Amino acid sequence: MRRRFAFFLLLALLFGNFVLGLQRQTLSAASAEEKTRESAYRNIELFTSVMEIIRKDYVDDSKLSYQDLTYSALKGMLSGLDPHSQFMEPSSYEEMKQETGGQFGGIGVVVGMKDGVLTIISPIEDTPGFKAGLLPNDKIIRIEGKSTERLPLGDAVKQLRGAPGTKVTITTLRPSSREVKDVTIVRAMIKVESVKDAKVMEGKIGYVRIVQFNEPTADEFEKALQKIEKEGLVGLVLDLRNNPGGLLESAVDVTGKFLPKGQLVVFTEGRNPAVKQEYRVRSAKPHPDYPLVVLINEGSASGAEIVAGALQDTRRAVIVGETSFGKGSVQSVIPVKSDCAIRLTTAKYYTPSRKVIHEHGITPDILVPMSSEEWNQILLQRSQAADPTKKEEMAAEEFLPDGSKKAPVRDVQLDRAVDLIKGINAFKTRVAQ
């Protein structure tokens, strides 16, 4: 009996300790939650206290409405997270909703933040910014004489855009030469052409350049491929240099021209499981399995990086050129009132093998350096060859400061791509023998 009593007593003690432990865990969790809640309340109290001090003592009473102070605080809160998150007050939100068709008034450059500095990702061909000689990686340090330091990306874009015919003066810093200069540019209506320069080069090697991914890109690219494939291509060079991206669906559809149906192209992932998405090839008819080389440079970003990353990971293409820009984050526009919204970074893009694009870029399989100045000169040479009427307009670009004429620039990256395709085909022929 004594042993049985002792056994039950031990069980009772163990059960009591278990219940007490559960109570302590529950109280601890409740206490932590209460502390978190108190912290939020304390910080909101701090915010309102500071707001009231500003309203009472700030020297300029024209900026002291509750709405002005709240909007300013929200802008600072969102821009402090990363360069792409943004609070949109009614006017900005309305402008964003009205931007359609890939057509807008501006200087024709795609900008982003790099190392915390407003940076040109890519000038768009045949636009005022391109003709003014702006290059990828140029830093915009002032707009109309005012520093761009701490200027949110959305506000910078708003200042650069404007009605066609109006002027804007920007101050740029070129990292390669440390040259700082003021450039005054007349804004124009910017209409982005998507697929350019589709042709068959010597040796039946095809070449297509995609300038940007917009709504009709996949269809235009398909037509271009069908046209040049009729000549019996033995390989293709897909040029994504200075392509700043655009529509994600368009980039996925272009990638799908070379991969089987259902193949993963890119996926997004964030803290919220709801933002995890996979984008796979929808087309059932990929093009022939000829050698494919993709050209990229530091002006290739976003959608261009998705295409290059997917084709590299699936070993469908060889990537040639220089490491891309590294823009691979997802922004969601979330309305917070009927007339306001926030643009919030909610996820990042990953290639099929889970490489992070954001702030890393796509590293080429074969590194072939070429300066932005050389690439810009190549585009000018192509433009003049295609349209002789532009020779006079761009004549100044053909001469050096000492008055001597510039020698034609060879596209060494394209040359390497062509040589690579020739080498692959020669190897295949040798093996087949």
Protein backbone atom coordinates (compact mmCIF):
# COMPACT_ATOMS: atom_id res chain seq x y z
CA MET A 1 0.00 0.00 0.00
CA ARG A 2 2.81 2.36 0.91
CA ARG A 3 4.52 1.77 -2.46
CA ARG A 4 1.22 2.36 -4.31
CA PHE A 5 0.60 5.56 -2.33
CA ALA A 6 4.11 6.80 -3.09
CA PHE A 7 3.64 6.04 -6.79
CA PHE A 8 0.37 8.01 -7.01
CA LEU A 9 1.89 10.85 -5.02
CA LEU A 10 4.78 11.04 -7.53
CA LEU A 11 2.32 11.09 -10.43
CA ALA A 12 0.37 13.90 -8.77
CA LEU A 13 3.53 15.95 -8.27
CA LEU A 14 4.63 15.43 -11.88
CA PHE A 15 1.19 16.40 -13.19
CA GLY A 16 1.19 19.48 -10.95
CA ASN A 17 4.58 20.55 -12.29
CA PHE A 18 3.39 19.99 -15.89
CA VAL A 19 0.29 22.14 -15.34
CA LEU A 20 2.35 24.80 -13.60
CA GLY A 21 4.82 24.77 -16.54
CA LEU A 22 2.00 25.22 -19.03
CA GLN A 23 0.60 28.11 -17.01
CA ARG A 24 4.02 29.75 -16.89
CA GLN A 25 4.47 29.34 -20.69
CA THR A 26 1.02 30.79 -21.30
CA LEU A 27 1.69 33.71 -18.96
CA SER A 28 5.13 34.25 -20.56
CA ALA A 29 3.62 34.29 -24.08
CA ALA A 30 0.87 36.63 -22.92
CA SER A 31 3.47 38.86 -21.25
CA ALA A 32 5.62 38.97 -24.44
CA GLU A 33 2.56 39.81 -26.52
CA GLU A 34 1.61 42.51 -24.03
CA LYS A 35 5.14 43.96 -24.20
CA THR A 36 4.96 44.02 -27.99
CA ARG A 37 1.59 45.74 -27.83
CA GLU A 38 2.89 48.22 -25.25
CA SER A 39 5.89 48.93 -27.47
CA ALA A 40 3.64 49.77 -30.41
CA TYR A 41 1.48 52.01 -28.23
CA ARG A 42 4.54 53.71 -26.74
CA ASN A 43 5.97 54.46 -30.17
CA ILE A 44 2.65 55.77 -31.48
CA GLU A 45 2.53 57.97 -28.38
CA LEU A 46 6.07 59.17 -29.19
CA PHE A 47 5.02 59.92 -32.78
CA THR A 48 1.98 61.97 -31.73
CA SER A 49 3.99 63.81 -29.06
CA VAL A 50 6.61 64.86 -31.63
CA MET A 51 3.86 65.84 -34.08
CA GLU A 52 2.27 68.11 -31.47
CA ILE A 53 5.62 69.72 -30.61
CA ILE A 54 6.18 70.44 -34.33
CA ARG A 55 2.70 71.93 -34.70
CA LYS A 56 3.26 74.12 -31.64
CA ASP A 57 6.81 75.36 -32.19
CA TYR A 58 7.88 74.95 -35.87
CA VAL A 59 8.62 78.30 -37.49
CA ASP A 60 6.63 77.85 -40.75
CA ASP A 61 2.93 77.29 -40.06
CA SER A 62 2.12 76.60 -43.74
CA LYS A 63 3.42 73.01 -43.39
CA LEU A 64 1.77 72.03 -40.12
CA SER A 65 -1.51 70.37 -41.05
CA TYR A 66 -1.96 66.89 -39.63
CA GLN A 67 -2.22 65.53 -43.20
CA ASP A 68 1.05 67.17 -44.31
CA LEU A 69 2.93 65.85 -41.30
CA THR A 70 1.42 62.37 -41.59
CA TYR A 71 2.18 62.15 -45.33
CA SER A 72 5.77 63.29 -44.71
CA ALA A 73 6.20 60.71 -41.95
CA LEU A 74 4.78 57.92 -44.11
CA LYS A 75 7.07 58.86 -47.02
CA GLY A 76 10.07 58.70 -44.72
CA MET A 77 8.94 55.40 -43.21
CA LEU A 78 8.53 53.67 -46.60
CA SER A 79 11.64 55.14 -48.25
CA GLY A 80 13.67 54.13 -45.20
CA LEU A 81 12.91 50.46 -45.90
CA ASP A 82 14.45 50.32 -49.40
CA PRO A 83 14.64 52.52 -52.53
CA HIS A 84 11.62 50.89 -54.17
CA SER A 85 9.06 51.14 -51.35
CA GLN A 86 7.02 54.31 -51.46
CA PHE A 87 4.01 56.08 -49.95
CA MET A 88 1.77 57.42 -52.72
CA GLU A 89 -0.40 60.36 -51.83
CA PRO A 90 -3.51 60.95 -54.01
CA SER A 91 -1.73 62.70 -56.90
CA SER A 92 1.05 60.08 -57.15
CA TYR A 93 -1.41 57.21 -56.86
CA GLU A 94 -3.59 58.66 -59.61
CA GLU A 95 -0.57 59.14 -61.90
CA MET A 96 0.45 55.53 -61.37
CA LYS A 97 -3.05 54.28 -62.27
CA GLN A 98 -3.08 56.34 -65.46
CA GLU A 99 0.32 55.14 -66.75
CA THR A 100 -0.60 52.77 -69.59
CA GLY A 101 0.73 51.72 -73.00
CA GLY A 102 4.43 52.21 -72.27
CA GLN A 103 4.24 55.86 -73.39
CA PHE A 104 5.05 58.88 -71.21
CA GLY A 105 6.66 62.32 -71.25
CA GLY A 106 10.23 62.36 -70.00
CA ILE A 107 13.92 62.28 -70.88
CA GLY A 108 14.07 58.56 -71.74
CA VAL A 109 16.20 56.94 -69.04
CA VAL A 110 15.42 54.09 -66.66
CA VAL A 111 16.71 54.87 -63.17
CA GLY A 112 17.16 52.93 -59.96
CA MET A 113 19.08 53.06 -56.70
CA LYS A 114 22.56 51.56 -56.58
CA ASP A 115 24.58 51.80 -53.36
CA GLY A 116 22.05 54.37 -52.16
CA VAL A 117 22.63 56.71 -55.14
CA LEU A 118 20.19 57.57 -57.94
CA THR A 119 21.68 55.72 -60.91
CA ILE A 120 20.86 55.41 -64.61
CA ILE A 121 20.19 51.74 -65.35
CA SER A 122 19.76 52.30 -69.05
CA PRO A 123 19.08 55.18 -71.45
CA ILE A 124 16.36 54.31 -73.97
CA GLU A 125 17.54 54.52 -77.57
CA ASP A 126 16.61 57.50 -79.74
CA THR A 127 15.32 59.47 -76.74
CA PRO A 128 16.57 62.86 -75.46
CA GLY A 129 18.54 61.18 -72.65
CA PHE A 130 20.28 58.81 -75.08
CA LYS A 131 21.11 61.62 -77.51
CA ALA A 132 22.48 63.71 -74.62
CA GLY A 133 25.10 61.00 -74.06
CA LEU A 134 23.82 59.62 -70.74
CA LEU A 135 25.22 56.15 -70.01
CA PRO A 136 24.39 53.19 -67.78
CA ASN A 137 25.82 53.61 -64.27
CA ASP A 138 25.91 57.43 -64.51
CA LYS A 139 24.93 58.85 -61.11
CA ILE A 140 22.32 61.64 -61.05
CA ILE A 141 23.48 63.75 -58.12
CA ARG A 142 21.29 66.81 -58.68
CA ILE A 143 18.00 67.61 -60.43
CA GLU A 144 17.42 71.31 -61.13
CA GLY A 145 20.29 72.15 -58.80
CA LYS A 146 18.83 70.24 -55.82
CA SER A 147 20.68 67.26 -54.39
CA THR A 148 19.17 63.82 -54.96
CA GLU A 149 20.65 62.54 -51.70
CA ARG A 150 17.80 60.99 -49.67
CA LEU A 151 15.39 61.71 -52.52
CA PRO A 152 12.95 58.76 -52.80
CA LEU A 153 13.12 56.97 -56.14
CA GLY A 154 9.47 57.69 -56.91
CA ASP A 155 9.97 61.42 -56.36
CA ALA A 156 13.07 61.39 -58.59
CA VAL A 157 11.13 59.71 -61.41
CA LYS A 158 8.35 62.27 -61.01
CA GLN A 159 10.86 65.15 -61.34
CA LEU A 160 12.48 63.67 -64.45
CA ARG A 161 9.17 63.14 -66.20
CA GLY A 162 7.07 66.01 -67.49
CA ALA A 163 5.26 67.47 -70.44
CA PRO A 164 7.00 67.09 -73.83
CA GLY A 165 8.86 70.27 -74.79
CA THR A 166 9.73 71.25 -71.22
CA LYS A 167 13.33 71.28 -70.00
CA VAL A 168 15.06 69.70 -67.03
CA THR A 169 18.67 70.11 -65.94
CA ILE A 170 20.41 67.22 -64.23
CA THR A 171 23.92 66.93 -62.81
CA THR A 172 25.61 63.61 -63.45
CA LEU A 173 28.71 61.92 -62.07
CA ARG A 174 30.38 59.36 -64.36
CA PRO A 175 32.19 56.81 -62.13
CA SER A 176 34.62 55.70 -64.85
CA SER A 177 36.11 59.19 -65.27
CA ARG A 178 34.85 60.97 -62.10
CA GLU A 179 33.52 63.68 -64.46
CA VAL A 180 30.70 65.84 -63.09
CA LYS A 181 28.63 67.82 -65.58
CA ASP A 182 25.30 69.59 -65.97
CA VAL A 183 23.06 68.38 -68.79
CA THR A 184 19.93 70.23 -69.89
CA ILE A 185 17.49 67.97 -71.69
CA VAL A 186 14.23 68.77 -73.48
CA ARG A 187 11.58 66.21 -72.54
CA ALA A 188 9.74 64.31 -75.25
CA MET A 189 7.00 61.71 -75.57
CA ILE A 190 8.79 58.42 -74.92
CA LYS A 191 7.48 55.44 -76.86
CA VAL A 192 9.44 52.29 -76.23
CA GLU A 193 10.14 50.02 -79.18
CA SER A 194 10.51 46.45 -78.00
CA VAL A 195 12.13 44.12 -80.59
CA LYS A 196 14.87 45.52 -82.85
CA ASP A 197 17.58 44.49 -85.33
CA ALA A 198 16.20 41.02 -86.14
CA LYS A 199 18.48 39.67 -88.87
CA VAL A 200 20.54 36.74 -90.12
CA MET A 201 24.27 37.35 -89.95
CA GLU A 202 27.07 35.65 -91.83
CA GLY A 203 27.08 31.87 -91.42
CA LYS A 204 23.30 31.74 -90.86
CA ILE A 205 23.56 32.92 -87.26
CA GLY A 206 20.48 34.83 -86.17
CA TYR A 207 20.48 38.01 -84.10
CA VAL A 208 17.58 39.64 -82.24
CA ARG A 209 17.75 42.48 -79.72
CA ILE A 210 14.99 43.05 -77.15
CA VAL A 211 15.10 46.62 -75.83
CA GLN A 212 12.41 46.24 -73.17
CA PHE A 213 9.67 43.80 -72.15
CA ASN A 214 6.22 45.25 -72.71
CA GLU A 215 2.82 43.87 -73.68
CA PRO A 216 3.44 43.00 -77.35
CA THR A 217 7.09 41.84 -76.89
CA ALA A 218 6.45 38.08 -76.92
CA ASP A 219 4.33 38.30 -80.11
CA GLU A 220 6.84 40.59 -81.85
CA PHE A 221 9.69 38.29 -80.83
CA GLU A 222 7.82 35.26 -82.18
CA LYS A 223 7.27 36.94 -85.55
CA ALA A 224 10.94 37.95 -85.74
CA LEU A 225 12.09 34.41 -84.94
CA GLN A 226 9.76 32.81 -87.47
CA LYS A 227 11.00 35.20 -90.15
CA ILE A 228 14.73 34.57 -89.64
CA GLU A 229 14.34 30.84 -88.91
CA LYS A 230 13.08 30.36 -92.46
CA GLU A 231 16.68 30.90 -93.57
CA GLY A 232 17.82 27.80 -91.67
CA LEU A 233 19.51 29.20 -88.56
CA VAL A 234 22.44 27.34 -87.08
CA GLY A 235 22.37 29.43 -83.91
CA LEU A 236 20.90 32.57 -82.34
CA VAL A 237 22.27 35.54 -80.40
CA LEU A 238 19.64 37.10 -78.10
CA ASP A 239 20.83 40.58 -77.12
CA LEU A 240 19.50 41.85 -73.77
CA ARG A 241 22.15 44.51 -73.20
CA ASN A 242 20.77 47.73 -71.70
CA ASN A 243 17.36 46.06 -71.38
CA PRO A 244 15.96 47.45 -68.09
CA GLY A 245 13.13 44.89 -67.83
CA GLY A 246 9.42 45.65 -67.95
CA LEU A 247 6.49 43.24 -67.67
CA LEU A 248 7.25 39.99 -65.86
CA GLU A 249 4.75 37.97 -67.90
CA SER A 250 6.36 39.17 -71.11
CA ALA A 251 9.83 38.08 -69.92
CA VAL A 252 8.45 34.65 -68.94
CA ASP A 253 6.78 34.24 -72.35
CA VAL A 254 10.00 35.13 -74.19
CA THR A 255 11.92 32.59 -72.09
CA GLY A 256 9.27 30.01 -72.97
CA LYS A 257 10.23 30.19 -76.65
CA PHE A 258 13.25 28.02 -75.81
CA LEU A 259 12.09 25.80 -72.94
CA PRO A 260 9.54 22.97 -72.62
CA LYS A 261 6.03 23.58 -71.31
CA GLY A 262 5.84 23.57 -67.51
CA GLN A 263 9.52 24.45 -66.99
CA LEU A 264 10.06 26.79 -64.01
CA VAL A 265 11.35 30.20 -65.18
CA VAL A 266 11.38 32.23 -61.96
CA PHE A 267 9.75 32.25 -58.55
CA THR A 268 9.11 34.84 -55.87
CA GLU A 269 9.45 34.42 -52.13
CA GLY A 270 8.96 36.72 -49.15
CA ARG A 271 8.11 36.67 -45.45
CA ASN A 272 4.43 36.23 -46.18
CA PRO A 273 3.75 32.77 -47.67
CA ALA A 274 0.98 34.32 -49.77
CA VAL A 275 3.52 36.12 -51.99
CA LYS A 276 5.26 32.90 -53.03
CA GLN A 277 4.57 32.38 -56.73
CA GLU A 278 6.02 30.24 -59.47
CA TYR A 279 6.11 31.31 -63.11
CA ARG A 280 6.35 28.46 -65.59
CA VAL A 281 6.44 28.14 -69.38
CA ARG A 282 2.92 28.19 -70.81
CA SER A 283 3.73 27.59 -74.48
CA ALA A 284 3.83 24.03 -75.82
CA LYS A 285 5.97 24.79 -78.90
CA PRO A 286 9.57 25.76 -78.13
CA HIS A 287 11.78 26.76 -81.04
CA PRO A 288 14.48 24.44 -82.45
CA ASP A 289 17.30 23.41 -80.13
CA TYR A 290 19.98 25.42 -81.94
CA PRO A 291 22.88 26.94 -79.95
CA LEU A 292 21.71 30.02 -78.09
CA VAL A 293 23.87 32.83 -76.66
CA VAL A 294 22.43 35.63 -74.51
CA LEU A 295 24.26 38.96 -74.23
CA ILE A 296 23.95 40.99 -71.00
CA ASN A 297 25.71 43.96 -69.43
CA GLU A 298 25.39 46.23 -66.39
CA GLY A 299 22.33 47.88 -68.01
CA SER A 300 20.43 44.56 -68.11
CA ALA A 301 17.96 44.46 -65.24
CA SER A 302 14.78 42.91 -63.87
CA GLY A 303 13.01 41.01 -66.70
CA ALA A 304 16.25 40.75 -68.69
CA GLU A 305 17.90 39.12 -65.67
CA ILE A 306 14.98 36.70 -65.30
CA VAL A 307 15.36 35.55 -68.93
CA ALA A 308 19.16 35.23 -68.70
CA GLY A 309 19.00 33.49 -65.31
CA ALA A 310 16.42 30.91 -66.41
CA LEU A 311 18.21 30.06 -69.67
CA GLN A 312 21.51 29.81 -67.80
CA ASP A 313 20.14 27.57 -65.03
CA THR A 314 18.44 25.21 -67.49
CA ARG A 315 21.64 25.09 -69.59
CA ARG A 316 19.70 26.17 -72.65
CA ALA A 317 21.94 29.16 -73.32
CA VAL A 318 25.45 30.45 -72.70
CA ILE A 319 25.51 33.92 -71.13
CA VAL A 320 28.16 36.31 -72.48
CA GLY A 321 29.05 39.87 -71.44
CA GLU A 322 29.19 41.48 -68.00
CA THR A 323 27.38 41.03 -64.68
CA SER A 324 23.88 42.51 -64.85
CA PHE A 325 22.43 45.32 -62.72
CA GLY A 326 20.80 43.25 -59.95
CA LYS A 327 17.16 44.45 -59.74
CA GLY A 328 15.14 41.49 -58.53
CA SER A 329 12.61 42.62 -55.94
CA VAL A 330 8.79 42.56 -56.14
CA GLN A 331 6.73 45.62 -55.27
CA SER A 332 3.03 45.27 -54.39
CA VAL A 333 0.72 48.30 -54.60
CA ILE A 334 -1.59 48.21 -51.59
CA PRO A 335 -4.43 50.80 -51.31
CA VAL A 336 -4.65 52.14 -47.76
CA LYS A 337 -7.49 54.61 -48.38
CA SER A 338 -9.67 55.35 -51.36
CA ASP A 339 -7.13 57.90 -52.63
CA CYS A 340 -3.79 56.71 -51.19
CA ALA A 341 -1.64 53.62 -51.48
CA ILE A 342 1.74 52.19 -50.56
CA ARG A 343 4.17 50.51 -52.90
CA LEU A 344 5.82 47.89 -50.68
CA THR A 345 8.63 45.45 -51.44
CA THR A 346 7.06 42.10 -50.52
CA ALA A 347 9.25 39.48 -52.22
CA LYS A 348 12.40 38.78 -54.23
CA TYR A 349 12.93 36.97 -57.52
CA TYR A 350 14.87 33.71 -57.61
CA THR A 351 16.15 31.79 -60.63
CA PRO A 352 15.17 28.10 -61.00
CA SER A 353 18.33 27.05 -59.10
CA ARG A 354 17.46 29.54 -56.35
CA LYS A 355 20.04 32.21 -57.18
CA VAL A 356 19.13 35.60 -55.75
CA ILE A 357 18.95 38.25 -58.49
CA HIS A 358 18.51 41.30 -56.27
CA GLU A 359 21.76 43.19 -55.61
CA HIS A 360 23.72 40.26 -57.08
CA GLY A 361 22.79 40.24 -60.77
CA ILE A 362 23.43 37.44 -63.24
CA THR A 363 27.08 36.50 -63.68
CA PRO A 364 27.90 35.59 -67.31
CA ASP A 365 29.42 32.24 -68.21
CA ILE A 366 31.97 34.07 -70.36
CA LEU A 367 33.08 37.51 -69.19
CA VAL A 368 33.71 39.96 -72.03
CA PRO A 369 34.25 43.54 -70.77
CA MET A 370 33.04 46.50 -72.81
CA SER A 371 32.60 50.06 -71.55
CA SER A 372 29.29 51.91 -71.60
CA GLU A 373 30.87 54.50 -73.90
CA GLU A 374 31.76 51.79 -76.43
CA TRP A 375 28.25 50.31 -76.31
CA ASN A 376 26.71 53.76 -76.78
CA GLN A 377 28.96 54.37 -79.80
CA ILE A 378 27.96 51.01 -81.30
CA LEU A 379 24.28 51.95 -80.99
CA LEU A 380 24.98 55.30 -82.65
CA GLN A 381 26.80 53.54 -85.49
CA ARG A 382 23.86 51.19 -85.99
CA SER A 383 21.38 54.04 -85.87
CA GLN A 384 23.27 56.02 -88.51
CA ALA A 385 23.64 52.96 -90.74
CA ALA A 386 19.90 52.26 -90.53
CA ASP A 387 18.85 55.88 -91.08
CA PRO A 388 21.33 58.15 -92.96
CA THR A 389 19.19 61.21 -92.10
CA LYS A 390 20.46 60.92 -88.50
CA LYS A 391 24.08 61.47 -89.52
CA GLU A 392 23.84 65.25 -89.25
CA GLU A 393 21.90 65.08 -85.97
CA MET A 394 24.54 62.87 -84.33
CA ALA A 395 27.60 64.14 -86.22
CA ALA A 396 29.17 65.57 -83.06
CA GLU A 397 29.30 62.09 -81.56
CA GLU A 398 31.65 60.96 -84.36
CA PHE A 399 34.48 63.26 -83.28
CA LEU A 400 36.88 63.38 -80.35
CA PRO A 401 37.52 66.63 -78.37
CA ASP A 402 40.69 67.26 -80.42
CA GLY A 403 38.63 67.26 -83.64
CA SER A 404 39.81 63.88 -84.92
CA LYS A 405 37.22 61.39 -86.11
CA LYS A 406 36.42 58.42 -83.90
CA ALA A 407 37.33 55.03 -85.29
CA PRO A 408 34.40 52.62 -85.62
CA VAL A 409 33.93 50.55 -82.47
CA ARG A 410 33.79 46.78 -82.82
CA ASP A 411 31.16 44.92 -80.85
CA VAL A 412 33.55 42.52 -79.11
CA GLN A 413 30.75 40.91 -77.08
CA LEU A 414 28.76 40.07 -80.20
CA ASP A 415 31.95 38.84 -81.92
CA ARG A 416 32.60 36.47 -79.00
CA ALA A 417 28.99 35.20 -79.14
CA VAL A 418 29.27 34.46 -82.87
CA ASP A 419 32.61 32.68 -82.41
CA LEU A 420 31.08 30.61 -79.60
CA ILE A 421 28.18 29.43 -81.78
CA LYS A 422 30.60 28.56 -84.59
CA GLY A 423 32.72 26.59 -82.12
CA ILE A 424 29.72 24.67 -80.71
CA ASN A 425 28.57 23.72 -84.21
CA ALA A 426 32.09 22.70 -85.28
CA PHE A 427 32.36 20.46 -82.22
CA LYS A 428 28.96 18.86 -82.92
CA THR A 429 30.00 18.15 -86.51
CA ARG A 430 33.29 16.63 -85.35
CA VAL A 431 31.51 14.38 -82.83
CA ALA A 432 28.93 13.29 -85.44
CA GLN A 433 31.73 12.15 -87.74
